Amino acid sequence: MNSDSPEILIVSGLPRSGTSLCMRMLEAGGVPVLVDNLRESDDDNPNGYYEFEPVKQTRLDPSWVRDAGGKAVKMVYRLLYDLPPQFCYRVLFMRRNILEILASQRKMLERNGLPTDTVQDDEMQQLFESELAESRRWMRQQSHLEVIEINYNEIIADPHSVVQSIEGFLEQPVDVSAMEAVINPELYRNRRCSTPEDQPSTQV
């Protein structure tokens, strides 16, 4: 690993799991974020998507990683496998009730006029749970990754505890009050009853 370079912060998880909120919290706390703002905010993400387009091509061109030290960048969980292992990463992996994720994804598709019935919810739930389990196993085996799982539902229920756990994981000073201030419970939509996904934030 390239120990001379600052660690890169990765915010990851399933789409609609709260990754944009986590990026916003880190930014408010004083962590530089790597974004290009090509995808504008909308009704689904009124505070922005916090995306960085080169991340999607990491397997073909990982050159962006060299200049990402000390910054936070968002990437969907499937792209974690493409990160070059010679750098060090701290991964904040977002978890959320999968039924809520599916409901949120469906509403996003509806707003964009896209079909929502191509795959049944129970099939998608099984797929997501299987892929998340495999991702967790893989991450535990990677020496270049340090991982904490952050539960979106817990962010809303107990923001102070979650922000404190993030601060401890980052091992750097952050503005805890500012991080808590950007959490808006009114944007917590598509609520569901608790499931096994609703686990407290924990380091892997």
N, C-alpha and C. Protein backbone atom coordinates (compact mmCIF):
# COMPACT_ATOMS: atom_id res chain seq x y z
N MET A 1 0.83 -1.19 0.00
CA MET A 1 0.00 0.00 0.00
C MET A 1 0.87 1.24 0.00
N ASN A 2 0.33 2.31 -0.54
CA ASN A 2 1.04 3.58 -0.60
C ASN A 2 0.80 4.34 0.69
N SER A 3 1.62 4.08 1.69
CA SER A 3 1.41 4.68 3.01
C SER A 3 1.80 6.14 3.05
N ASP A 4 2.48 6.65 2.01
CA ASP A 4 2.88 8.05 1.98
C ASP A 4 1.71 8.95 1.58
N SER A 5 0.66 8.40 0.99
CA SER A 5 -0.48 9.19 0.55
C SER A 5 -1.57 9.16 1.62
N PRO A 6 -2.30 10.28 1.80
CA PRO A 6 -3.41 10.29 2.76
C PRO A 6 -4.47 9.27 2.37
N GLU A 7 -5.14 8.73 3.36
CA GLU A 7 -6.20 7.77 3.09
C GLU A 7 -7.33 8.43 2.30
N ILE A 8 -7.98 7.64 1.48
CA ILE A 8 -9.12 8.11 0.69
C ILE A 8 -10.38 7.63 1.38
N LEU A 9 -11.33 8.53 1.55
CA LEU A 9 -12.60 8.17 2.18
C LEU A 9 -13.59 7.79 1.09
N ILE A 10 -14.19 6.63 1.21
CA ILE A 10 -15.16 6.14 0.25
C ILE A 10 -16.51 6.00 0.93
N VAL A 11 -17.52 6.64 0.37
CA VAL A 11 -18.90 6.46 0.84
C VAL A 11 -19.59 5.53 -0.15
N SER A 12 -20.03 4.38 0.32
CA SER A 12 -20.55 3.36 -0.59
C SER A 12 -21.82 2.73 -0.03
N GLY A 13 -22.43 1.87 -0.84
CA GLY A 13 -23.64 1.18 -0.46
C GLY A 13 -24.54 1.00 -1.66
N LEU A 14 -25.72 0.49 -1.42
CA LEU A 14 -26.71 0.35 -2.47
C LEU A 14 -27.22 1.73 -2.90
N PRO A 15 -27.66 1.87 -4.14
CA PRO A 15 -28.33 3.12 -4.54
C PRO A 15 -29.54 3.38 -3.64
N ARG A 16 -29.73 4.62 -3.23
CA ARG A 16 -30.84 5.05 -2.37
C ARG A 16 -30.68 4.58 -0.93
N SER A 17 -29.45 4.32 -0.52
CA SER A 17 -29.22 3.86 0.85
C SER A 17 -28.78 4.98 1.79
N GLY A 18 -28.66 6.21 1.27
CA GLY A 18 -28.24 7.33 2.10
C GLY A 18 -26.82 7.78 1.84
N THR A 19 -26.23 7.37 0.73
CA THR A 19 -24.85 7.75 0.44
C THR A 19 -24.70 9.26 0.23
N SER A 20 -25.69 9.88 -0.42
CA SER A 20 -25.62 11.33 -0.64
C SER A 20 -25.70 12.08 0.68
N LEU A 21 -26.55 11.61 1.59
CA LEU A 21 -26.63 12.23 2.90
C LEU A 21 -25.31 12.10 3.63
N CYS A 22 -24.69 10.95 3.57
CA CYS A 22 -23.41 10.75 4.25
C CYS A 22 -22.35 11.70 3.68
N MET A 23 -22.33 11.86 2.37
CA MET A 23 -21.39 12.80 1.76
C MET A 23 -21.66 14.23 2.24
N ARG A 24 -22.91 14.60 2.32
CA ARG A 24 -23.28 15.94 2.78
C ARG A 24 -22.84 16.14 4.23
N MET A 25 -22.99 15.10 5.05
CA MET A 25 -22.56 15.19 6.44
C MET A 25 -21.05 15.38 6.53
N LEU A 26 -20.30 14.62 5.75
CA LEU A 26 -18.84 14.76 5.77
C LEU A 26 -18.42 16.14 5.32
N GLU A 27 -19.06 16.64 4.26
CA GLU A 27 -18.74 17.98 3.78
C GLU A 27 -19.01 19.03 4.85
N ALA A 28 -20.15 18.92 5.52
CA ALA A 28 -20.48 19.86 6.58
C ALA A 28 -19.48 19.78 7.73
N GLY A 29 -18.96 18.57 7.96
CA GLY A 29 -18.00 18.38 9.04
C GLY A 29 -16.61 18.87 8.74
N GLY A 30 -16.38 19.31 7.49
CA GLY A 30 -15.08 19.86 7.12
C GLY A 30 -14.21 18.95 6.29
N VAL A 31 -14.77 17.81 5.84
CA VAL A 31 -14.01 16.88 5.00
C VAL A 31 -14.15 17.30 3.54
N PRO A 32 -13.04 17.50 2.81
CA PRO A 32 -13.15 17.83 1.38
C PRO A 32 -13.84 16.70 0.63
N VAL A 33 -14.72 17.04 -0.29
CA VAL A 33 -15.43 16.03 -1.07
C VAL A 33 -15.06 16.15 -2.54
N LEU A 34 -14.98 15.01 -3.19
CA LEU A 34 -14.62 14.94 -4.60
C LEU A 34 -15.91 14.76 -5.40
N VAL A 35 -16.39 15.84 -6.00
CA VAL A 35 -17.64 15.84 -6.76
C VAL A 35 -17.45 16.68 -8.02
N ASP A 36 -18.32 16.45 -9.02
CA ASP A 36 -18.27 17.29 -10.22
C ASP A 36 -19.59 18.01 -10.49
N ASN A 37 -20.65 17.67 -9.73
CA ASN A 37 -21.95 18.33 -9.84
C ASN A 37 -22.56 18.25 -11.23
N LEU A 38 -22.16 17.24 -12.02
CA LEU A 38 -22.76 17.07 -13.34
C LEU A 38 -24.22 16.63 -13.22
N ARG A 39 -24.51 15.86 -12.20
CA ARG A 39 -25.89 15.45 -11.95
C ARG A 39 -26.51 16.42 -10.97
N GLU A 40 -27.49 17.16 -11.44
CA GLU A 40 -28.09 18.20 -10.63
C GLU A 40 -29.09 17.64 -9.62
N SER A 41 -29.33 18.40 -8.58
CA SER A 41 -30.32 17.99 -7.58
C SER A 41 -31.71 17.95 -8.19
N ASP A 42 -32.59 17.14 -7.61
CA ASP A 42 -33.96 17.01 -8.09
C ASP A 42 -34.85 16.61 -6.92
N ASP A 43 -36.08 16.20 -7.21
CA ASP A 43 -37.01 15.84 -6.13
C ASP A 43 -36.54 14.63 -5.34
N ASP A 44 -35.78 13.74 -5.98
CA ASP A 44 -35.30 12.55 -5.30
C ASP A 44 -34.13 12.86 -4.38
N ASN A 45 -33.28 13.78 -4.78
CA ASN A 45 -32.14 14.22 -3.97
C ASN A 45 -32.07 15.73 -3.99
N PRO A 46 -32.92 16.41 -3.21
CA PRO A 46 -32.96 17.88 -3.25
C PRO A 46 -31.69 18.56 -2.81
N ASN A 47 -30.82 17.85 -2.09
CA ASN A 47 -29.55 18.45 -1.66
C ASN A 47 -28.36 18.02 -2.51
N GLY A 48 -28.64 17.37 -3.64
CA GLY A 48 -27.57 16.98 -4.55
C GLY A 48 -27.18 15.53 -4.44
N TYR A 49 -26.55 15.03 -5.50
CA TYR A 49 -26.16 13.63 -5.57
C TYR A 49 -24.71 13.36 -5.16
N TYR A 50 -23.89 14.38 -5.13
CA TYR A 50 -22.49 14.25 -4.71
C TYR A 50 -21.75 13.18 -5.51
N GLU A 51 -21.94 13.18 -6.82
CA GLU A 51 -21.30 12.18 -7.65
C GLU A 51 -20.04 12.72 -8.32
N PHE A 52 -19.16 11.81 -8.71
CA PHE A 52 -17.94 12.14 -9.42
C PHE A 52 -17.83 11.14 -10.57
N GLU A 53 -18.06 11.63 -11.79
CA GLU A 53 -18.23 10.75 -12.94
C GLU A 53 -17.07 9.79 -13.18
N PRO A 54 -15.79 10.19 -13.03
CA PRO A 54 -14.69 9.24 -13.29
C PRO A 54 -14.74 7.97 -12.44
N VAL A 55 -15.42 8.02 -11.30
CA VAL A 55 -15.53 6.84 -10.44
C VAL A 55 -16.14 5.66 -11.19
N LYS A 56 -17.09 5.96 -12.09
CA LYS A 56 -17.79 4.89 -12.80
C LYS A 56 -16.88 4.13 -13.76
N GLN A 57 -15.74 4.72 -14.11
CA GLN A 57 -14.80 4.07 -15.04
C GLN A 57 -13.53 3.63 -14.34
N THR A 58 -13.60 3.41 -13.04
CA THR A 58 -12.40 3.10 -12.26
C THR A 58 -11.66 1.87 -12.79
N ARG A 59 -12.38 0.86 -13.20
CA ARG A 59 -11.72 -0.36 -13.69
C ARG A 59 -10.85 -0.06 -14.91
N LEU A 60 -11.32 0.81 -15.79
CA LEU A 60 -10.59 1.14 -17.01
C LEU A 60 -9.56 2.25 -16.79
N ASP A 61 -9.88 3.18 -15.90
CA ASP A 61 -9.00 4.33 -15.68
C ASP A 61 -9.09 4.77 -14.21
N PRO A 62 -8.22 4.23 -13.36
CA PRO A 62 -8.25 4.59 -11.94
C PRO A 62 -7.37 5.80 -11.60
N SER A 63 -7.00 6.60 -12.61
CA SER A 63 -6.05 7.69 -12.38
C SER A 63 -6.56 8.72 -11.37
N TRP A 64 -7.87 8.85 -11.23
CA TRP A 64 -8.42 9.83 -10.29
C TRP A 64 -8.02 9.52 -8.85
N VAL A 65 -7.73 8.26 -8.57
CA VAL A 65 -7.44 7.84 -7.19
C VAL A 65 -6.18 8.53 -6.66
N ARG A 66 -5.20 8.77 -7.52
CA ARG A 66 -3.92 9.35 -7.08
C ARG A 66 -4.10 10.70 -6.40
N ASP A 67 -5.10 11.46 -6.84
CA ASP A 67 -5.29 12.81 -6.31
C ASP A 67 -6.44 12.89 -5.31
N ALA A 68 -6.93 11.76 -4.85
CA ALA A 68 -8.10 11.74 -3.98
C ALA A 68 -7.76 11.62 -2.51
N GLY A 69 -6.48 11.57 -2.16
CA GLY A 69 -6.09 11.42 -0.77
C GLY A 69 -6.65 12.51 0.12
N GLY A 70 -7.22 12.13 1.25
CA GLY A 70 -7.78 13.08 2.19
C GLY A 70 -9.17 13.57 1.84
N LYS A 71 -9.71 13.10 0.73
CA LYS A 71 -11.03 13.52 0.28
C LYS A 71 -12.03 12.37 0.39
N ALA A 72 -13.31 12.73 0.36
CA ALA A 72 -14.38 11.75 0.37
C ALA A 72 -15.00 11.68 -1.02
N VAL A 73 -15.24 10.47 -1.49
CA VAL A 73 -15.84 10.27 -2.80
C VAL A 73 -16.90 9.17 -2.69
N LYS A 74 -17.94 9.32 -3.45
CA LYS A 74 -19.06 8.37 -3.39
C LYS A 74 -18.97 7.38 -4.54
N MET A 75 -19.17 6.10 -4.23
CA MET A 75 -19.22 5.09 -5.29
C MET A 75 -20.15 3.95 -4.88
N VAL A 76 -20.90 3.44 -5.86
CA VAL A 76 -21.81 2.34 -5.58
C VAL A 76 -21.00 1.11 -5.19
N TYR A 77 -21.58 0.23 -4.40
CA TYR A 77 -20.84 -0.88 -3.78
C TYR A 77 -20.14 -1.78 -4.79
N ARG A 78 -20.70 -1.96 -5.97
CA ARG A 78 -20.09 -2.86 -6.95
C ARG A 78 -18.75 -2.34 -7.46
N LEU A 79 -18.52 -1.03 -7.34
CA LEU A 79 -17.27 -0.45 -7.85
C LEU A 79 -16.12 -0.57 -6.84
N LEU A 80 -16.42 -0.96 -5.62
CA LEU A 80 -15.35 -1.11 -4.63
C LEU A 80 -14.30 -2.13 -5.08
N TYR A 81 -14.75 -3.14 -5.82
CA TYR A 81 -13.83 -4.18 -6.29
C TYR A 81 -12.78 -3.62 -7.25
N ASP A 82 -13.06 -2.47 -7.85
CA ASP A 82 -12.16 -1.91 -8.87
C ASP A 82 -11.10 -0.97 -8.29
N LEU A 83 -11.16 -0.68 -7.01
CA LEU A 83 -10.19 0.25 -6.41
C LEU A 83 -8.79 -0.35 -6.41
N PRO A 84 -7.80 0.39 -6.90
CA PRO A 84 -6.43 -0.14 -6.89
C PRO A 84 -5.94 -0.37 -5.47
N PRO A 85 -5.43 -1.56 -5.17
CA PRO A 85 -5.10 -1.93 -3.79
C PRO A 85 -3.83 -1.30 -3.24
N GLN A 86 -3.09 -0.55 -4.06
CA GLN A 86 -1.86 0.07 -3.54
C GLN A 86 -2.14 1.35 -2.74
N PHE A 87 -3.39 1.75 -2.66
CA PHE A 87 -3.77 2.91 -1.85
C PHE A 87 -4.58 2.44 -0.64
N CYS A 88 -4.68 3.32 0.36
CA CYS A 88 -5.43 3.00 1.58
C CYS A 88 -6.78 3.71 1.57
N TYR A 89 -7.82 2.99 1.97
CA TYR A 89 -9.17 3.54 1.93
C TYR A 89 -9.88 3.30 3.27
N ARG A 90 -10.66 4.29 3.67
CA ARG A 90 -11.61 4.12 4.76
C ARG A 90 -13.01 4.19 4.14
N VAL A 91 -13.74 3.12 4.27
CA VAL A 91 -15.04 2.98 3.61
C VAL A 91 -16.16 3.16 4.62
N LEU A 92 -17.04 4.12 4.37
CA LEU A 92 -18.26 4.28 5.13
C LEU A 92 -19.37 3.64 4.30
N PHE A 93 -19.78 2.45 4.71
CA PHE A 93 -20.71 1.65 3.92
C PHE A 93 -22.11 1.82 4.47
N MET A 94 -22.98 2.43 3.67
CA MET A 94 -24.34 2.74 4.11
C MET A 94 -25.23 1.51 4.04
N ARG A 95 -26.00 1.32 5.11
CA ARG A 95 -27.01 0.27 5.15
C ARG A 95 -28.37 0.92 5.36
N ARG A 96 -29.40 0.31 4.79
CA ARG A 96 -30.76 0.82 4.97
C ARG A 96 -31.73 -0.33 4.78
N ASN A 97 -32.87 -0.25 5.43
CA ASN A 97 -33.95 -1.21 5.23
C ASN A 97 -34.15 -1.40 3.72
N ILE A 98 -33.99 -2.63 3.24
CA ILE A 98 -34.03 -2.88 1.79
C ILE A 98 -35.41 -2.58 1.20
N LEU A 99 -36.47 -2.80 1.97
CA LEU A 99 -37.80 -2.46 1.46
C LEU A 99 -37.92 -0.96 1.21
N GLU A 100 -37.29 -0.16 2.05
CA GLU A 100 -37.28 1.28 1.83
C GLU A 100 -36.47 1.63 0.58
N ILE A 101 -35.35 0.96 0.39
CA ILE A 101 -34.54 1.19 -0.80
C ILE A 101 -35.32 0.88 -2.05
N LEU A 102 -36.01 -0.24 -2.07
CA LEU A 102 -36.78 -0.63 -3.24
C LEU A 102 -37.89 0.36 -3.52
N ALA A 103 -38.57 0.82 -2.47
CA ALA A 103 -39.64 1.80 -2.64
C ALA A 103 -39.09 3.12 -3.19
N SER A 104 -37.93 3.54 -2.68
CA SER A 104 -37.31 4.77 -3.14
C SER A 104 -36.86 4.66 -4.60
N GLN A 105 -36.29 3.51 -4.96
CA GLN A 105 -35.88 3.30 -6.34
C GLN A 105 -37.08 3.31 -7.27
N ARG A 106 -38.18 2.71 -6.83
CA ARG A 106 -39.38 2.67 -7.66
C ARG A 106 -39.91 4.09 -7.92
N LYS A 107 -39.93 4.91 -6.89
CA LYS A 107 -40.43 6.27 -7.07
C LYS A 107 -39.52 7.08 -7.99
N MET A 108 -38.22 6.83 -7.91
CA MET A 108 -37.29 7.53 -8.79
C MET A 108 -37.55 7.14 -10.25
N LEU A 109 -37.76 5.85 -10.48
CA LEU A 109 -38.06 5.38 -11.83
C LEU A 109 -39.36 5.99 -12.34
N GLU A 110 -40.36 6.06 -11.47
CA GLU A 110 -41.65 6.63 -11.87
C GLU A 110 -41.50 8.10 -12.25
N ARG A 111 -40.72 8.84 -11.47
CA ARG A 111 -40.54 10.27 -11.78
C ARG A 111 -39.83 10.47 -13.11
N ASN A 112 -39.02 9.50 -13.49
CA ASN A 112 -38.29 9.60 -14.75
C ASN A 112 -38.99 8.88 -15.91
N GLY A 113 -40.22 8.43 -15.67
CA GLY A 113 -40.99 7.78 -16.71
C GLY A 113 -40.44 6.45 -17.16
N LEU A 114 -39.77 5.74 -16.26
CA LEU A 114 -39.17 4.45 -16.59
C LEU A 114 -39.99 3.31 -16.01
N PRO A 115 -39.95 2.12 -16.62
CA PRO A 115 -40.74 1.00 -16.11
C PRO A 115 -40.28 0.56 -14.73
N THR A 116 -41.24 0.15 -13.91
CA THR A 116 -40.93 -0.24 -12.53
C THR A 116 -41.25 -1.69 -12.24
N ASP A 117 -41.73 -2.42 -13.24
CA ASP A 117 -42.18 -3.79 -13.00
C ASP A 117 -41.34 -4.83 -13.72
N THR A 118 -40.10 -4.48 -14.08
CA THR A 118 -39.26 -5.43 -14.81
C THR A 118 -38.79 -6.57 -13.91
N VAL A 119 -38.58 -6.29 -12.63
CA VAL A 119 -38.17 -7.32 -11.67
C VAL A 119 -39.01 -7.15 -10.41
N GLN A 120 -39.52 -8.24 -9.87
CA GLN A 120 -40.34 -8.18 -8.67
C GLN A 120 -39.48 -7.82 -7.45
N ASP A 121 -40.14 -7.16 -6.47
CA ASP A 121 -39.42 -6.70 -5.27
C ASP A 121 -38.76 -7.85 -4.52
N ASP A 122 -39.44 -9.00 -4.42
CA ASP A 122 -38.84 -10.10 -3.66
C ASP A 122 -37.59 -10.62 -4.33
N GLU A 123 -37.56 -10.59 -5.67
CA GLU A 123 -36.36 -11.01 -6.39
C GLU A 123 -35.23 -10.03 -6.17
N MET A 124 -35.54 -8.72 -6.23
CA MET A 124 -34.52 -7.70 -6.02
C MET A 124 -34.01 -7.75 -4.58
N GLN A 125 -34.89 -8.00 -3.63
CA GLN A 125 -34.46 -8.09 -2.23
C GLN A 125 -33.47 -9.23 -2.04
N GLN A 126 -33.77 -10.38 -2.61
CA GLN A 126 -32.86 -11.52 -2.50
C GLN A 126 -31.52 -11.22 -3.16
N LEU A 127 -31.57 -10.57 -4.34
CA LEU A 127 -30.33 -10.22 -5.04
C LEU A 127 -29.49 -9.27 -4.22
N PHE A 128 -30.12 -8.21 -3.72
CA PHE A 128 -29.38 -7.22 -2.93
C PHE A 128 -28.79 -7.86 -1.67
N GLU A 129 -29.57 -8.65 -0.97
CA GLU A 129 -29.07 -9.27 0.26
C GLU A 129 -27.89 -10.19 -0.03
N SER A 130 -27.96 -10.93 -1.12
CA SER A 130 -26.86 -11.82 -1.50
C SER A 130 -25.60 -11.03 -1.84
N GLU A 131 -25.77 -9.96 -2.63
CA GLU A 131 -24.62 -9.17 -3.04
C GLU A 131 -24.01 -8.41 -1.86
N LEU A 132 -24.85 -7.93 -0.95
CA LEU A 132 -24.33 -7.25 0.23
C LEU A 132 -23.54 -8.20 1.12
N ALA A 133 -24.03 -9.41 1.27
CA ALA A 133 -23.32 -10.41 2.07
C ALA A 133 -21.97 -10.72 1.46
N GLU A 134 -21.93 -10.86 0.15
CA GLU A 134 -20.67 -11.13 -0.54
C GLU A 134 -19.72 -9.94 -0.42
N SER A 135 -20.25 -8.72 -0.54
CA SER A 135 -19.41 -7.52 -0.38
C SER A 135 -18.81 -7.46 1.01
N ARG A 136 -19.62 -7.77 2.01
CA ARG A 136 -19.12 -7.74 3.38
C ARG A 136 -17.99 -8.76 3.58
N ARG A 137 -18.17 -9.97 3.06
CA ARG A 137 -17.12 -10.98 3.18
C ARG A 137 -15.84 -10.51 2.48
N TRP A 138 -16.00 -9.96 1.29
CA TRP A 138 -14.84 -9.52 0.52
C TRP A 138 -14.12 -8.37 1.22
N MET A 139 -14.85 -7.40 1.73
CA MET A 139 -14.23 -6.25 2.38
C MET A 139 -13.41 -6.66 3.59
N ARG A 140 -13.91 -7.63 4.35
CA ARG A 140 -13.18 -8.08 5.54
C ARG A 140 -11.83 -8.69 5.18
N GLN A 141 -11.69 -9.17 3.95
CA GLN A 141 -10.46 -9.84 3.53
C GLN A 141 -9.45 -8.89 2.89
N GLN A 142 -9.81 -7.61 2.73
CA GLN A 142 -8.94 -6.67 2.02
C GLN A 142 -8.11 -5.85 2.99
N SER A 143 -6.79 -5.96 2.88
CA SER A 143 -5.90 -5.23 3.79
C SER A 143 -5.86 -3.73 3.48
N HIS A 144 -6.30 -3.33 2.29
CA HIS A 144 -6.26 -1.91 1.93
C HIS A 144 -7.54 -1.18 2.30
N LEU A 145 -8.50 -1.89 2.90
CA LEU A 145 -9.77 -1.28 3.28
C LEU A 145 -9.98 -1.35 4.79
N GLU A 146 -10.43 -0.23 5.35
CA GLU A 146 -11.01 -0.22 6.70
C GLU A 146 -12.45 0.21 6.52
N VAL A 147 -13.36 -0.51 7.16
CA VAL A 147 -14.78 -0.33 6.86
C VAL A 147 -15.59 -0.11 8.13
N ILE A 148 -16.51 0.85 8.05
CA ILE A 148 -17.54 0.99 9.07
C ILE A 148 -18.89 0.98 8.35
N GLU A 149 -19.85 0.27 8.90
CA GLU A 149 -21.19 0.27 8.34
C GLU A 149 -22.03 1.32 9.07
N ILE A 150 -22.67 2.19 8.29
CA ILE A 150 -23.48 3.27 8.84
C ILE A 150 -24.94 2.99 8.47
N ASN A 151 -25.80 2.91 9.46
CA ASN A 151 -27.20 2.61 9.22
C ASN A 151 -27.99 3.89 9.02
N TYR A 152 -28.60 4.02 7.83
CA TYR A 152 -29.37 5.23 7.51
C TYR A 152 -30.52 5.43 8.49
N ASN A 153 -31.22 4.37 8.80
CA ASN A 153 -32.36 4.48 9.70
C ASN A 153 -31.92 4.97 11.08
N GLU A 154 -30.73 4.56 11.50
CA GLU A 154 -30.21 5.00 12.79
C GLU A 154 -29.77 6.45 12.75
N ILE A 155 -29.30 6.93 11.58
CA ILE A 155 -28.95 8.34 11.44
C ILE A 155 -30.14 9.21 11.82
N ILE A 156 -31.32 8.82 11.35
CA ILE A 156 -32.52 9.60 11.64
C ILE A 156 -32.93 9.45 13.09
N ALA A 157 -32.84 8.24 13.63
CA ALA A 157 -33.31 7.97 14.99
C ALA A 157 -32.36 8.50 16.06
N ASP A 158 -31.06 8.41 15.82
CA ASP A 158 -30.07 8.79 16.84
C ASP A 158 -28.85 9.40 16.17
N PRO A 159 -29.02 10.59 15.58
CA PRO A 159 -27.92 11.18 14.79
C PRO A 159 -26.65 11.42 15.58
N HIS A 160 -26.77 11.79 16.84
CA HIS A 160 -25.57 12.10 17.62
C HIS A 160 -24.67 10.89 17.76
N SER A 161 -25.25 9.74 18.08
CA SER A 161 -24.45 8.53 18.24
C SER A 161 -23.76 8.14 16.94
N VAL A 162 -24.48 8.26 15.83
CA VAL A 162 -23.91 7.89 14.54
C VAL A 162 -22.76 8.83 14.17
N VAL A 163 -22.97 10.12 14.35
CA VAL A 163 -21.91 11.08 14.02
C VAL A 163 -20.68 10.84 14.88
N GLN A 164 -20.87 10.51 16.14
CA GLN A 164 -19.74 10.21 17.01
C GLN A 164 -18.98 8.97 16.52
N SER A 165 -19.71 7.97 16.07
CA SER A 165 -19.05 6.76 15.57
C SER A 165 -18.28 7.06 14.29
N ILE A 166 -18.82 7.94 13.45
CA ILE A 166 -18.10 8.34 12.23
C ILE A 166 -16.83 9.10 12.59
N GLU A 167 -16.93 10.02 13.54
CA GLU A 167 -15.75 10.79 13.95
C GLU A 167 -14.66 9.86 14.47
N GLY A 168 -15.04 8.88 15.28
CA GLY A 168 -14.05 7.95 15.79
C GLY A 168 -13.41 7.12 14.70
N PHE A 169 -14.20 6.73 13.71
CA PHE A 169 -13.68 5.93 12.62
C PHE A 169 -12.72 6.72 11.74
N LEU A 170 -13.03 8.00 11.51
CA LEU A 170 -12.18 8.82 10.65
C LEU A 170 -10.83 9.13 11.29
N GLU A 171 -10.80 9.14 12.61
CA GLU A 171 -9.58 9.47 13.34
C GLU A 171 -9.03 10.84 12.92
N GLN A 172 -9.94 11.78 12.74
CA GLN A 172 -9.56 13.15 12.44
C GLN A 172 -10.66 14.06 12.96
N PRO A 173 -10.31 15.31 13.32
CA PRO A 173 -11.34 16.21 13.86
C PRO A 173 -12.35 16.61 12.80
N VAL A 174 -13.62 16.58 13.17
CA VAL A 174 -14.70 17.03 12.29
C VAL A 174 -15.65 17.87 13.12
N ASP A 175 -16.44 18.69 12.45
CA ASP A 175 -17.43 19.53 13.13
C ASP A 175 -18.69 18.69 13.35
N VAL A 176 -18.77 18.09 14.52
CA VAL A 176 -19.86 17.18 14.82
C VAL A 176 -21.22 17.89 14.77
N SER A 177 -21.29 19.08 15.32
CA SER A 177 -22.56 19.83 15.33
C SER A 177 -23.03 20.14 13.92
N ALA A 178 -22.10 20.51 13.04
CA ALA A 178 -22.47 20.82 11.65
C ALA A 178 -22.94 19.57 10.92
N MET A 179 -22.32 18.43 11.23
CA MET A 179 -22.75 17.18 10.61
C MET A 179 -24.18 16.83 11.02
N GLU A 180 -24.46 16.99 12.29
CA GLU A 180 -25.81 16.69 12.77
C GLU A 180 -26.84 17.65 12.20
N ALA A 181 -26.43 18.90 11.97
CA ALA A 181 -27.36 19.94 11.54
C ALA A 181 -27.91 19.70 10.14
N VAL A 182 -27.18 18.96 9.29
CA VAL A 182 -27.66 18.75 7.92
C VAL A 182 -28.59 17.55 7.80
N ILE A 183 -28.78 16.81 8.89
CA ILE A 183 -29.69 15.66 8.86
C ILE A 183 -31.12 16.18 8.97
N ASN A 184 -31.90 15.95 7.93
CA ASN A 184 -33.27 16.46 7.87
C ASN A 184 -34.26 15.30 7.87
N PRO A 185 -34.88 15.02 9.00
CA PRO A 185 -35.83 13.89 9.06
C PRO A 185 -36.98 14.00 8.07
N GLU A 186 -37.30 15.22 7.62
CA GLU A 186 -38.40 15.39 6.67
C GLU A 186 -38.09 14.74 5.32
N LEU A 187 -36.80 14.51 5.05
CA LEU A 187 -36.42 13.86 3.80
C LEU A 187 -36.36 12.34 3.94
N TYR A 188 -36.71 11.84 5.13
CA TYR A 188 -36.78 10.39 5.32
C TYR A 188 -38.16 9.93 4.85
N ARG A 189 -38.19 9.47 3.61
CA ARG A 189 -39.45 9.02 3.02
C ARG A 189 -39.40 7.51 2.81
N ASN A 190 -40.52 6.94 2.40
CA ASN A 190 -40.59 5.49 2.11
C ASN A 190 -40.25 4.65 3.34
N ARG A 191 -40.82 5.00 4.49
CA ARG A 191 -40.52 4.29 5.73
C ARG A 191 -41.14 2.90 5.74
N ARG A 192 -40.43 1.97 6.36
CA ARG A 192 -40.91 0.61 6.51
C ARG A 192 -40.64 0.15 7.94
N CYS A 193 -41.26 -0.96 8.34
CA CYS A 193 -40.96 -1.55 9.64
C CYS A 193 -39.54 -2.09 9.63
N SER A 194 -38.98 -2.33 10.79
CA SER A 194 -37.60 -2.77 10.88
C SER A 194 -37.42 -4.16 10.28
N THR A 195 -36.23 -4.39 9.76
CA THR A 195 -35.84 -5.68 9.19
C THR A 195 -34.43 -5.96 9.66
N PRO A 196 -33.84 -7.12 9.30
CA PRO A 196 -32.44 -7.39 9.68
C PRO A 196 -31.47 -6.34 9.17
N GLU A 197 -31.87 -5.52 8.15
CA GLU A 197 -30.98 -4.47 7.68
C GLU A 197 -30.82 -3.36 8.71
N ASP A 198 -31.79 -3.23 9.63
CA ASP A 198 -31.77 -2.13 10.57
C ASP A 198 -30.85 -2.44 11.76
N GLN A 199 -29.58 -2.56 11.46
CA GLN A 199 -28.59 -2.87 12.48
C GLN A 199 -27.80 -1.62 12.83
N PRO A 200 -27.35 -1.48 14.08
CA PRO A 200 -26.58 -0.30 14.47
C PRO A 200 -25.31 -0.17 13.64
N SER A 201 -24.84 1.07 13.53
CA SER A 201 -23.59 1.32 12.83
C SER A 201 -22.46 0.58 13.52
N THR A 202 -21.61 -0.07 12.74
CA THR A 202 -20.57 -0.88 13.36
C THR A 202 -19.37 -0.98 12.44
N GLN A 203 -18.19 -1.11 13.02
CA GLN A 203 -16.98 -1.27 12.25
C GLN A 203 -16.81 -2.74 11.85
N VAL A 204 -16.47 -2.97 10.59
CA VAL A 204 -16.31 -4.33 10.07
C VAL A 204 -14.90 -4.83 10.34
